[in-house]
Amino acid sequence: MKIKDNIETFNSLLKRRGFIWGPSPEIYGGLAGFYSYGPAGMALKNNILSIFRKELRAMGFGEVECPTIMPEIVWEASGHLERFIDPVLNCKKCNSVYRVDKFLKKVLPNQMIDGLSYKEMENLIRENNLTCPSCGSQFENIEEYNLMLETKVGTDTIVYLRPETATTTYLLFNRLDQVMRRQYPLKVFQYGKAYRNEISPRQGVLRMRSFDQFEIQMFISKKQEYNFEPFEEVKDNQLPLLDWKVQEENIEKPNLISLKDAIKIKILKKPAFAYCLFIAHYLTKKLGYSNNVIRYRQHSPNERAHYADDAWDLEIKTEQFDWVEICGIHDRTDYDLRRHAEFSNQSFEVAMDSDSQEKEIPQILETAFGNDRIIYTLLETTFMVEDGRINLQLNNFLAPNTVAVFPLVKNKEAIRNLALNLHQNLQNRLINSFYDESGSIGKRYRRQDELGTPFCVTIDYDSLEDDSATIRDRDSMDQIRVKISEIPELIKKKLEKSKI
């Protein structure tokens, strides 16, 4: 199947099987940048969140939840009101709006755009005689566009919807310092909605105006950043790293290198920050991405935020959108707490070293996942079409349905009752089971293949005699005969094995 046909089949699957719908609300024509998740999409999302939460709790991270609306002073302190802007080209003739850096990357793919000043980008537009793709008119100067969504609380209090979850986590620092008994680094994460007033959102759930984030924070001392014991346990892990100096040579293939060697040759500076890359990699691999679609791309000094000491994007290779960022790993220094201390008149200086009473403002190391991007890239990279058969090869514990139970025929009461009893028994054992008696067995198999269901169980006439059923494996399509009473335990064992 051609790549174009494959993509069209995949996009159709997302809607047909209830993963992603939109733009929403569809019945009114849709509003760009807003999408809904159907039952299959929500099941997948919740399974991903469950894995992330379990793994991070095991690593000693605690979860917090904060309001999605904050007063103006919060975003003034964080710098979002001043700096959370996109450079845009606004065509005065047809009113088309383009984000400049994205526009230039598309039309000048061999040109390094990241980190260019407005003046430099304007020069590129003039030198290459670039005009509006919609009407051919000449562009005027670059304008600034703030992505913050403003509203009011009560009659006159200006507030903003948060553009990311991280800032709201930082505001809890004094409380976290107290409740976690100053056991540094303080390790927390937050999952929730964020909002950005994107200029002209495209690419489906990859760029939305309302989206989910899963952001992991470590509040840490400068000394701990370089003397970080957990790094010793993970330093031999190899990651595909693409540092910024290599990128300047137009090289896109990353180098597979251990974290300790990356520190040694100074691609990475701090063991604690390298540990954050490990966390991102560990969680990503847990979801089942293959090694050949993952890379870590470092921001150049001109590209990264003014406060950042280092920044990397975890990217996934897709057919439809090339490399897609699903996670950003950032060394934010003490910028955030220092700014909020200044604007709130609160002190965030603490003694973090048990051997010294010297106080300092903690550094912040951040690992920020975009959940909607995870869902899209995970679905696309596990989507397979072989001989006309669509197979979604999700990890067994992530699939919306773990097991589907079919009676061979629905008009034979004894067979139907056996199937319903097994379905209920699986659910009682907290195994996500789906019961289906509609259509031929072949069609029922195909429906579950398209949802990524790893196991299908068929109750047939022989089941009435031997108390056994046929279990079919999604990927191999092998079938085995198993005692019905043993099926729940067998499925549990297969799930545990797939998590290793």
Protein backbone atom coordinates (compact mmCIF):
# COMPACT_ATOMS: atom_id res chain seq x y z
CA MET A 1 0.00 0.00 0.00
CA LYS A 2 1.31 3.46 -0.91
CA ILE A 3 2.18 5.86 1.92
CA LYS A 4 -0.58 8.29 0.87
CA ASP A 5 -3.19 5.52 0.85
CA ASN A 6 -1.85 4.26 4.17
CA ILE A 7 -2.26 7.71 5.75
CA GLU A 8 -5.79 8.11 4.41
CA THR A 9 -6.72 4.68 5.76
CA PHE A 10 -5.20 5.59 9.13
CA ASN A 11 -7.01 8.95 9.35
CA SER A 12 -10.27 7.18 8.53
CA LEU A 13 -9.61 4.62 11.27
CA LEU A 14 -9.23 7.33 13.92
CA LYS A 15 -12.80 8.45 13.30
CA ARG A 16 -14.43 5.11 12.44
CA ARG A 17 -13.25 3.36 15.58
CA GLY A 18 -13.84 6.22 17.99
CA PHE A 19 -10.30 7.37 18.75
CA ILE A 20 -10.39 11.05 17.72
CA TRP A 21 -13.24 13.17 16.34
CA GLY A 22 -13.27 16.75 15.15
CA PRO A 23 -12.70 19.57 14.81
CA SER A 24 -15.42 19.91 17.43
CA PRO A 25 -18.31 20.51 17.56
CA GLU A 26 -18.70 18.61 14.29
CA ILE A 27 -22.45 19.18 13.97
CA TYR A 28 -21.81 22.96 13.79
CA GLY A 29 -18.92 22.74 11.35
CA GLY A 30 -16.16 22.54 13.97
CA LEU A 31 -13.89 25.12 15.60
CA ALA A 32 -10.25 24.83 14.56
CA GLY A 33 -7.93 23.58 17.28
CA PHE A 34 -10.53 21.67 19.31
CA TYR A 35 -10.95 17.89 19.17
CA SER A 36 -12.91 15.23 21.05
CA TYR A 37 -11.88 11.73 22.08
CA GLY A 38 -14.27 8.86 21.51
CA PRO A 39 -14.51 5.76 23.77
CA ALA A 40 -11.45 4.08 22.23
CA GLY A 41 -9.39 7.29 22.44
CA MET A 42 -10.30 7.88 26.07
CA ALA A 43 -9.53 4.27 27.00
CA LEU A 44 -6.09 4.60 25.38
CA LYS A 45 -5.46 7.96 27.05
CA ASN A 46 -6.39 6.62 30.50
CA ASN A 47 -4.19 3.54 30.03
CA ILE A 48 -1.23 5.78 29.17
CA LEU A 49 -1.87 7.96 32.21
CA SER A 50 -2.14 4.89 34.43
CA ILE A 51 1.29 3.67 33.29
CA PHE A 52 2.90 7.09 33.73
CA ARG A 53 1.41 7.53 37.20
CA LYS A 54 2.46 4.08 38.41
CA GLU A 55 6.00 4.44 37.11
CA LEU A 56 6.54 7.94 38.51
CA ARG A 57 5.12 7.04 41.91
CA ALA A 58 7.60 4.14 41.98
CA MET A 59 10.37 6.69 41.30
CA GLY A 60 9.27 8.81 44.26
CA PHE A 61 7.29 11.50 42.43
CA GLY A 62 4.10 12.93 43.93
CA GLU A 63 1.14 14.24 41.94
CA VAL A 64 -0.48 17.67 42.30
CA GLU A 65 -3.40 19.39 40.61
CA CYS A 66 -3.85 23.14 40.19
CA PRO A 67 -6.48 25.52 38.76
CA THR A 68 -6.41 26.10 35.03
CA ILE A 69 -7.10 29.85 35.49
CA MET A 70 -4.67 32.21 37.21
CA PRO A 71 -4.60 35.98 37.81
CA GLU A 72 -2.70 38.32 35.54
CA ILE A 73 0.20 38.83 37.97
CA VAL A 74 1.15 35.14 37.74
CA TRP A 75 1.71 35.39 34.00
CA GLU A 76 3.44 38.74 34.32
CA ALA A 77 5.88 37.16 36.79
CA SER A 78 6.42 34.05 34.67
CA GLY A 79 7.19 36.17 31.61
CA HIS A 80 4.32 34.79 29.52
CA LEU A 81 2.65 38.15 28.99
CA GLU A 82 5.90 39.55 27.65
CA ARG A 83 7.43 36.59 25.85
CA PHE A 84 4.73 33.99 25.08
CA ILE A 85 4.32 35.26 21.55
CA ASP A 86 4.58 33.97 17.99
CA PRO A 87 6.07 36.01 15.14
CA VAL A 88 3.45 36.18 12.38
CA LEU A 89 3.04 37.38 8.81
CA ASN A 90 -0.35 38.97 8.27
CA CYS A 91 -1.39 39.34 4.64
CA LYS A 92 -3.21 42.68 4.44
CA LYS A 93 -4.95 41.74 1.17
CA CYS A 94 -6.55 38.34 1.94
CA ASN A 95 -6.14 38.38 5.77
CA SER A 96 -4.24 35.08 5.79
CA VAL A 97 -1.97 34.68 8.83
CA TYR A 98 1.21 32.59 8.94
CA ARG A 99 3.59 31.83 11.78
CA VAL A 100 6.88 33.04 10.31
CA ASP A 101 9.28 30.31 11.45
CA LYS A 102 6.92 27.49 10.36
CA PHE A 103 6.31 29.23 7.02
CA LEU A 104 10.03 29.66 6.36
CA LYS A 105 10.87 26.08 7.33
CA LYS A 106 8.31 24.84 4.83
CA VAL A 107 9.39 26.98 1.88
CA LEU A 108 13.14 26.98 2.72
CA PRO A 109 13.74 23.45 4.08
CA ASN A 110 17.53 23.65 3.76
CA GLN A 111 17.81 26.92 5.68
CA MET A 112 18.44 26.99 9.46
CA ILE A 113 15.52 29.05 10.79
CA ASP A 114 15.56 28.35 14.54
CA GLY A 115 17.02 31.20 16.54
CA LEU A 116 16.83 33.85 13.80
CA SER A 117 15.81 37.36 14.80
CA TYR A 118 12.77 39.07 13.29
CA LYS A 119 15.10 41.19 11.18
CA GLU A 120 16.94 38.14 9.84
CA MET A 121 13.66 36.40 8.96
CA GLU A 122 12.39 39.52 7.18
CA ASN A 123 15.63 39.60 5.18
CA LEU A 124 15.13 35.97 4.15
CA ILE A 125 11.61 36.78 2.94
CA ARG A 126 12.86 39.67 0.83
CA GLU A 127 15.95 37.86 -0.52
CA ASN A 128 13.84 34.88 -1.64
CA ASN A 129 10.96 37.05 -2.87
CA LEU A 130 8.47 35.10 -0.74
CA THR A 131 4.81 36.08 -1.07
CA CYS A 132 1.48 35.07 0.44
CA PRO A 133 0.68 31.48 -0.68
CA SER A 134 -3.04 32.33 -0.78
CA CYS A 135 -3.05 35.44 -2.97
CA GLY A 136 0.55 36.14 -4.02
CA SER A 137 0.73 39.54 -2.28
CA GLN A 138 3.90 40.92 -0.74
CA PHE A 139 4.23 40.54 3.02
CA GLU A 140 4.74 43.51 5.31
CA ASN A 141 6.79 43.45 8.53
CA ILE A 142 6.60 40.64 11.07
CA GLU A 143 4.07 41.22 13.86
CA GLU A 144 3.82 39.76 17.36
CA TYR A 145 0.90 37.56 18.39
CA ASN A 146 0.33 36.62 22.06
CA LEU A 147 -0.95 33.10 22.54
CA MET A 148 -2.53 33.69 25.97
CA LEU A 149 -6.31 33.32 26.30
CA GLU A 150 -7.72 36.14 28.44
CA THR A 151 -11.03 36.25 30.31
CA LYS A 152 -12.51 37.78 33.48
CA VAL A 153 -13.44 36.46 36.89
CA GLY A 154 -16.32 38.32 38.48
CA THR A 155 -16.92 41.69 36.88
CA ASP A 156 -13.46 43.12 36.45
CA THR A 157 -10.62 40.78 37.47
CA ILE A 158 -8.48 39.93 34.44
CA VAL A 159 -7.31 36.32 34.39
CA TYR A 160 -5.71 33.99 31.85
CA LEU A 161 -6.17 30.34 31.02
CA ARG A 162 -2.86 28.63 31.65
CA PRO A 163 -0.78 27.99 28.51
CA GLU A 164 1.08 25.16 30.29
CA THR A 165 0.74 23.32 33.61
CA ALA A 166 4.29 23.93 34.87
CA THR A 167 3.86 27.47 36.20
CA THR A 168 0.94 26.46 38.40
CA THR A 169 3.14 23.73 39.90
CA TYR A 170 5.88 26.22 40.76
CA LEU A 171 3.42 28.33 42.74
CA LEU A 172 3.09 25.43 45.21
CA PHE A 173 6.79 25.39 46.07
CA ASN A 174 6.56 26.53 49.72
CA ARG A 175 3.80 24.00 50.41
CA LEU A 176 5.76 21.22 48.69
CA ASP A 177 8.91 22.14 50.62
CA GLN A 178 6.96 21.69 53.85
CA VAL A 179 4.94 18.55 53.09
CA MET A 180 7.89 16.73 51.48
CA ARG A 181 10.03 17.60 54.53
CA ARG A 182 12.78 19.22 52.49
CA GLN A 183 13.97 15.92 51.06
CA TYR A 184 15.67 17.29 47.96
CA PRO A 185 15.25 16.99 45.13
CA LEU A 186 11.51 17.59 45.47
CA LYS A 187 9.86 15.45 42.79
CA VAL A 188 6.34 16.19 41.54
CA PHE A 189 4.21 15.94 38.42
CA GLN A 190 0.94 17.39 37.20
CA TYR A 191 -1.50 16.31 34.51
CA GLY A 192 -4.16 18.61 33.12
CA LYS A 193 -5.50 20.97 30.48
CA ALA A 194 -3.64 23.90 28.99
CA TYR A 195 -4.80 26.47 26.44
CA ARG A 196 -3.09 28.39 23.66
CA ASN A 197 -4.74 30.71 21.16
CA GLU A 198 -2.92 29.28 18.16
CA ILE A 199 -2.98 31.48 15.06
CA SER A 200 -4.22 28.88 12.58
CA PRO A 201 -4.00 25.40 14.14
CA ARG A 202 -3.43 22.56 11.72
CA GLN A 203 -2.17 18.98 11.98
CA GLY A 204 -5.12 17.74 14.04
CA VAL A 205 -4.35 16.97 17.68
CA LEU A 206 -0.68 17.86 17.24
CA ARG A 207 -1.46 21.56 17.55
CA MET A 208 -4.61 22.37 19.47
CA ARG A 209 -5.99 25.32 21.38
CA SER A 210 -7.08 23.07 24.24
CA PHE A 211 -4.74 20.19 25.01
CA ASP A 212 -3.41 17.88 27.72
CA GLN A 213 0.00 18.09 29.36
CA PHE A 214 1.86 15.77 31.72
CA GLU A 215 4.70 17.75 33.25
CA ILE A 216 7.32 16.39 35.63
CA GLN A 217 9.36 18.73 37.83
CA MET A 218 12.43 18.35 40.04
CA PHE A 219 13.36 21.15 42.44
CA ILE A 220 17.07 20.61 43.06
CA SER A 221 20.20 22.32 44.37
CA LYS A 222 23.13 23.32 42.21
CA LYS A 223 25.33 20.84 44.04
CA GLN A 224 22.88 17.97 43.49
CA GLU A 225 22.71 18.70 39.77
CA TYR A 226 26.34 17.59 39.46
CA ASN A 227 26.39 15.04 42.28
CA PHE A 228 23.21 13.05 41.62
CA GLU A 229 23.23 9.48 42.93
CA PRO A 230 20.31 8.12 40.83
CA PHE A 231 22.35 8.93 37.71
CA GLU A 232 24.78 6.14 38.59
CA GLU A 233 21.98 3.60 38.14
CA VAL A 234 21.04 4.78 34.64
CA LYS A 235 24.30 6.18 33.20
CA ASP A 236 24.89 3.20 30.89
CA ASN A 237 21.55 3.61 29.11
CA GLN A 238 22.02 4.59 25.47
CA LEU A 239 19.87 7.30 23.91
CA PRO A 240 19.70 8.55 20.28
CA LEU A 241 21.02 12.10 20.77
CA LEU A 242 21.19 14.78 18.08
CA ASP A 243 23.13 17.69 19.54
CA TRP A 244 22.85 21.20 18.16
CA LYS A 245 26.35 21.31 16.68
CA VAL A 246 25.59 18.26 14.54
CA GLN A 247 22.33 19.82 13.39
CA GLU A 248 24.22 22.86 12.07
CA GLU A 249 25.85 20.43 9.61
CA ASN A 250 22.32 19.44 8.39
CA ILE A 251 22.66 15.97 9.90
CA GLU A 252 19.34 14.45 11.01
CA LYS A 253 20.45 11.01 12.16
CA PRO A 254 21.16 10.89 15.91
CA ASN A 255 24.10 9.19 17.59
CA LEU A 256 23.30 6.30 19.92
CA ILE A 257 25.36 7.19 22.98
CA SER A 258 25.34 6.33 26.68
CA LEU A 259 24.44 9.06 29.14
CA LYS A 260 27.82 8.79 30.88
CA ASP A 261 29.61 9.27 27.54
CA ALA A 262 27.34 12.21 26.70
CA ILE A 263 28.47 13.82 29.96
CA LYS A 264 32.09 12.93 29.25
CA ILE A 265 32.16 14.61 25.83
CA LYS A 266 30.02 17.49 27.14
CA ILE A 267 26.94 16.99 24.98
CA LEU A 268 25.21 17.00 28.38
CA LYS A 269 26.53 19.02 31.29
CA LYS A 270 24.70 17.83 34.39
CA PRO A 271 24.04 14.26 35.58
CA ALA A 272 20.68 15.27 37.10
CA PHE A 273 19.55 16.70 33.76
CA ALA A 274 20.77 13.55 32.00
CA TYR A 275 18.60 11.61 34.45
CA CYS A 276 15.59 13.61 33.22
CA LEU A 277 16.33 12.46 29.66
CA PHE A 278 16.40 8.91 31.03
CA ILE A 279 12.96 9.37 32.64
CA ALA A 280 11.55 10.63 29.34
CA HIS A 281 13.11 7.71 27.48
CA TYR A 282 12.01 5.11 30.03
CA LEU A 283 8.38 6.26 29.96
CA THR A 284 8.36 6.51 26.16
CA LYS A 285 9.80 3.03 25.67
CA LYS A 286 7.29 1.69 28.21
CA LEU A 287 4.55 2.68 25.77
CA GLY A 288 6.02 0.51 23.03
CA TYR A 289 7.68 2.90 20.55
CA SER A 290 10.32 1.16 18.46
CA ASN A 291 13.90 2.44 18.67
CA ASN A 292 13.99 3.54 15.02
CA VAL A 293 11.31 6.24 15.46
CA ILE A 294 12.82 7.99 18.51
CA ARG A 295 15.39 10.77 18.71
CA TYR A 296 16.36 13.57 21.12
CA ARG A 297 17.06 16.90 19.41
CA GLN A 298 18.96 19.57 21.32
CA HIS A 299 18.00 23.23 21.02
CA SER A 300 20.73 25.49 19.75
CA PRO A 301 21.80 28.39 22.02
CA ASN A 302 19.80 30.75 19.78
CA GLU A 303 16.70 28.54 19.78
CA ARG A 304 16.29 27.77 23.47
CA ALA A 305 14.45 30.04 25.89
CA HIS A 306 16.41 32.91 27.42
CA TYR A 307 16.35 31.34 30.90
CA ALA A 308 17.23 27.76 29.87
CA ASP A 309 20.67 26.29 30.45
CA ASP A 310 19.84 23.32 28.21
CA ALA A 311 16.82 22.03 26.28
CA TRP A 312 16.03 18.89 24.29
CA ASP A 313 12.97 17.71 22.36
CA LEU A 314 12.00 14.04 22.35
CA GLU A 315 10.73 13.49 18.81
CA ILE A 316 8.89 10.65 17.08
CA LYS A 317 9.18 9.95 13.33
CA THR A 318 5.78 9.83 11.63
CA GLU A 319 4.70 9.26 8.03
CA GLN A 320 2.24 12.14 7.96
CA PHE A 321 4.11 14.90 9.81
CA ASP A 322 7.77 13.82 9.79
CA TRP A 323 9.44 14.35 13.23
CA VAL A 324 6.93 15.28 15.93
CA GLU A 325 7.90 16.55 19.38
CA ILE A 326 6.07 14.67 22.16
CA CYS A 327 8.18 15.82 25.09
CA GLY A 328 10.47 18.70 26.04
CA ILE A 329 13.24 18.32 28.63
CA HIS A 330 14.38 21.68 29.98
CA ASP A 331 16.92 22.96 32.49
CA ARG A 332 15.04 26.04 33.67
CA THR A 333 17.70 27.13 36.23
CA ASP A 334 16.23 29.19 39.10
CA TYR A 335 14.40 31.56 36.75
CA ASP A 336 10.83 30.64 37.69
CA LEU A 337 11.15 30.71 41.47
CA ARG A 338 13.30 33.83 41.34
CA ARG A 339 10.65 35.67 39.28
CA HIS A 340 7.75 34.56 41.48
CA ALA A 341 9.71 35.50 44.61
CA GLU A 342 10.14 38.98 43.18
CA PHE A 343 6.49 39.50 42.22
CA SER A 344 4.91 37.82 45.27
CA ASN A 345 7.30 39.18 47.90
CA GLN A 346 7.77 35.61 49.13
CA SER A 347 11.10 33.98 49.90
CA PHE A 348 11.90 30.74 48.09
CA GLU A 349 15.41 30.45 49.49
CA VAL A 350 15.89 27.19 51.40
CA ALA A 351 18.76 25.16 52.85
CA MET A 352 18.80 22.08 50.63
CA ASP A 353 22.07 20.54 51.81
CA SER A 354 21.96 18.72 55.16
CA ASP A 355 25.67 19.44 55.60
CA SER A 356 25.20 23.19 55.20
CA GLN A 357 22.70 25.81 56.31
CA GLU A 358 23.48 28.01 53.33
CA LYS A 359 20.28 28.93 51.53
CA GLU A 360 19.63 29.08 47.81
CA ILE A 361 16.72 29.24 45.38
CA PRO A 362 16.21 25.77 43.88
CA GLN A 363 16.92 24.99 40.26
CA ILE A 364 14.10 23.39 38.25
CA LEU A 365 14.51 20.49 35.84
CA GLU A 366 11.42 19.85 33.74
CA THR A 367 10.19 16.95 31.61
CA ALA A 368 7.01 17.99 29.78
CA PHE A 369 4.92 15.51 27.76
CA GLY A 370 2.13 16.45 25.35
CA ASN A 371 -0.39 13.65 25.84
CA ASP A 372 -2.36 14.31 22.66
CA ARG A 373 0.84 14.05 20.64
CA ILE A 374 1.70 10.79 22.39
CA ILE A 375 -1.69 9.36 21.43
CA TYR A 376 -1.39 10.40 17.78
CA THR A 377 2.20 9.21 17.29
CA LEU A 378 1.59 5.97 19.20
CA LEU A 379 -1.41 5.17 17.01
CA GLU A 380 0.38 6.05 13.78
CA THR A 381 3.57 4.12 14.56
CA THR A 382 1.67 0.96 15.61
CA PHE A 383 -0.73 1.07 12.64
CA MET A 384 -0.16 -1.77 10.16
CA VAL A 385 -1.90 -2.84 6.95
CA GLU A 386 -1.04 -6.31 5.66
CA ASP A 387 -2.96 -7.99 2.83
CA GLY A 388 -5.87 -5.65 3.42
CA ARG A 389 -5.98 -6.43 7.15
CA ILE A 390 -5.69 -3.41 9.47
CA ASN A 391 -3.82 -4.26 12.67
CA LEU A 392 -3.15 -1.76 15.44
CA GLN A 393 -0.17 -3.28 17.28
CA LEU A 394 -0.53 -1.43 20.57
CA ASN A 395 1.13 -2.83 23.67
CA ASN A 396 -1.29 -5.31 25.23
CA PHE A 397 -1.82 -3.24 28.38
CA LEU A 398 -2.56 -0.05 26.40
CA ALA A 399 -5.23 -1.35 24.02
CA PRO A 400 -8.76 0.01 24.63
CA ASN A 401 -10.01 -3.59 24.93
CA THR A 402 -7.77 -6.26 26.42
CA VAL A 403 -10.04 -9.16 25.45
CA ALA A 404 -13.03 -9.54 23.16
CA VAL A 405 -15.40 -12.43 23.84
CA PHE A 406 -17.52 -13.87 21.01
CA PRO A 407 -20.21 -16.54 21.02
CA LEU A 408 -19.87 -18.41 17.71
CA VAL A 409 -23.62 -18.07 17.24
CA LYS A 410 -25.98 -15.88 19.24
CA ASN A 411 -29.12 -17.97 18.73
CA LYS A 412 -27.75 -20.90 20.75
CA GLU A 413 -28.61 -19.95 24.34
CA ALA A 414 -26.07 -22.27 26.01
CA ILE A 415 -23.17 -20.88 23.92
CA ARG A 416 -24.33 -17.30 24.47
CA ASN A 417 -24.56 -17.80 28.25
CA LEU A 418 -21.07 -19.32 28.43
CA ALA A 419 -19.69 -16.30 26.53
CA LEU A 420 -21.53 -13.79 28.73
CA ASN A 421 -20.35 -15.56 31.90
CA LEU A 422 -16.72 -15.48 30.72
CA HIS A 423 -17.06 -11.81 29.78
CA GLN A 424 -18.41 -11.00 33.25
CA ASN A 425 -15.73 -13.10 34.96
CA LEU A 426 -12.99 -11.21 33.09
CA GLN A 427 -14.46 -7.88 34.12
CA ASN A 428 -14.72 -9.05 37.73
CA ARG A 429 -10.98 -9.77 37.56
CA LEU A 430 -10.42 -6.18 36.35
CA ILE A 431 -9.54 -7.33 32.84
CA ASN A 432 -11.05 -4.99 30.24
CA SER A 433 -13.36 -7.26 28.26
CA PHE A 434 -15.64 -6.44 25.32
CA TYR A 435 -18.57 -8.66 24.36
CA ASP A 436 -19.66 -8.85 20.70
CA GLU A 437 -22.22 -11.16 19.10
CA SER A 438 -22.96 -9.08 15.98
CA GLY A 439 -21.90 -10.22 12.49
CA SER A 440 -19.64 -13.01 11.31
CA ILE A 441 -16.64 -14.14 13.37
CA GLY A 442 -14.34 -12.76 10.65
CA LYS A 443 -15.88 -9.30 10.86
CA ARG A 444 -15.75 -9.35 14.64
CA TYR A 445 -12.03 -10.22 14.50
CA ARG A 446 -11.40 -7.37 12.07
CA ARG A 447 -13.19 -4.82 14.26
CA GLN A 448 -11.02 -5.78 17.22
CA ASP A 449 -7.82 -5.79 15.13
CA GLU A 450 -8.59 -2.18 14.22
CA LEU A 451 -8.88 -1.31 17.92
CA GLY A 452 -5.66 -3.12 18.82
CA THR A 453 -7.39 -5.76 20.98
CA PRO A 454 -4.63 -8.33 21.71
CA PHE A 455 -6.83 -11.35 22.48
CA CYS A 456 -10.12 -12.62 21.07
CA VAL A 457 -11.93 -15.57 22.69
CA THR A 458 -14.54 -17.59 20.81
CA ILE A 459 -17.07 -19.86 22.54
CA ASP A 460 -18.29 -22.55 20.12
CA TYR A 461 -20.23 -25.81 20.04
CA ASP A 462 -17.22 -27.77 21.31
CA SER A 463 -17.15 -25.49 24.37
CA LEU A 464 -20.36 -27.14 25.54
CA GLU A 465 -18.55 -30.50 25.60
CA ASP A 466 -14.99 -29.71 26.75
CA ASP A 467 -15.47 -26.42 28.71
CA SER A 468 -12.74 -24.87 26.53
CA ALA A 469 -12.56 -21.90 24.18
CA THR A 470 -10.34 -20.68 21.36
CA ILE A 471 -8.00 -17.74 22.08
CA ARG A 472 -6.70 -15.89 19.02
CA ASP A 473 -3.57 -13.72 19.17
CA ARG A 474 -3.87 -10.38 17.37
CA ASP A 475 -0.41 -10.19 15.83
CA SER A 476 0.40 -13.80 14.98
CA MET A 477 -3.25 -14.84 14.50
CA ASP A 478 -2.30 -18.14 16.18
CA GLN A 479 -5.16 -19.89 17.94
CA ILE A 480 -4.94 -22.10 21.03
CA ARG A 481 -7.55 -24.06 22.92
CA VAL A 482 -7.76 -23.26 26.65
CA LYS A 483 -10.06 -24.30 29.50
CA ILE A 484 -12.56 -21.48 30.07
CA SER A 485 -11.84 -21.42 33.79
CA GLU A 486 -8.13 -20.83 33.08
CA ILE A 487 -8.59 -17.95 30.61
CA PRO A 488 -8.59 -15.02 33.12
CA GLU A 489 -5.35 -16.17 34.73
CA LEU A 490 -3.73 -16.82 31.33
CA ILE A 491 -4.65 -13.30 30.14
CA LYS A 492 -3.27 -11.81 33.37
CA LYS A 493 0.06 -13.60 32.83
CA LYS A 494 0.27 -12.44 29.22
CA LEU A 495 -0.37 -8.84 30.30
CA GLU A 496 2.32 -8.97 32.96
CA LYS A 497 4.79 -10.43 30.47
CA SER A 498 4.06 -7.67 27.95
CA LYS A 499 4.89 -4.99 30.57
CA ILE A 500 8.48 -6.16 30.98
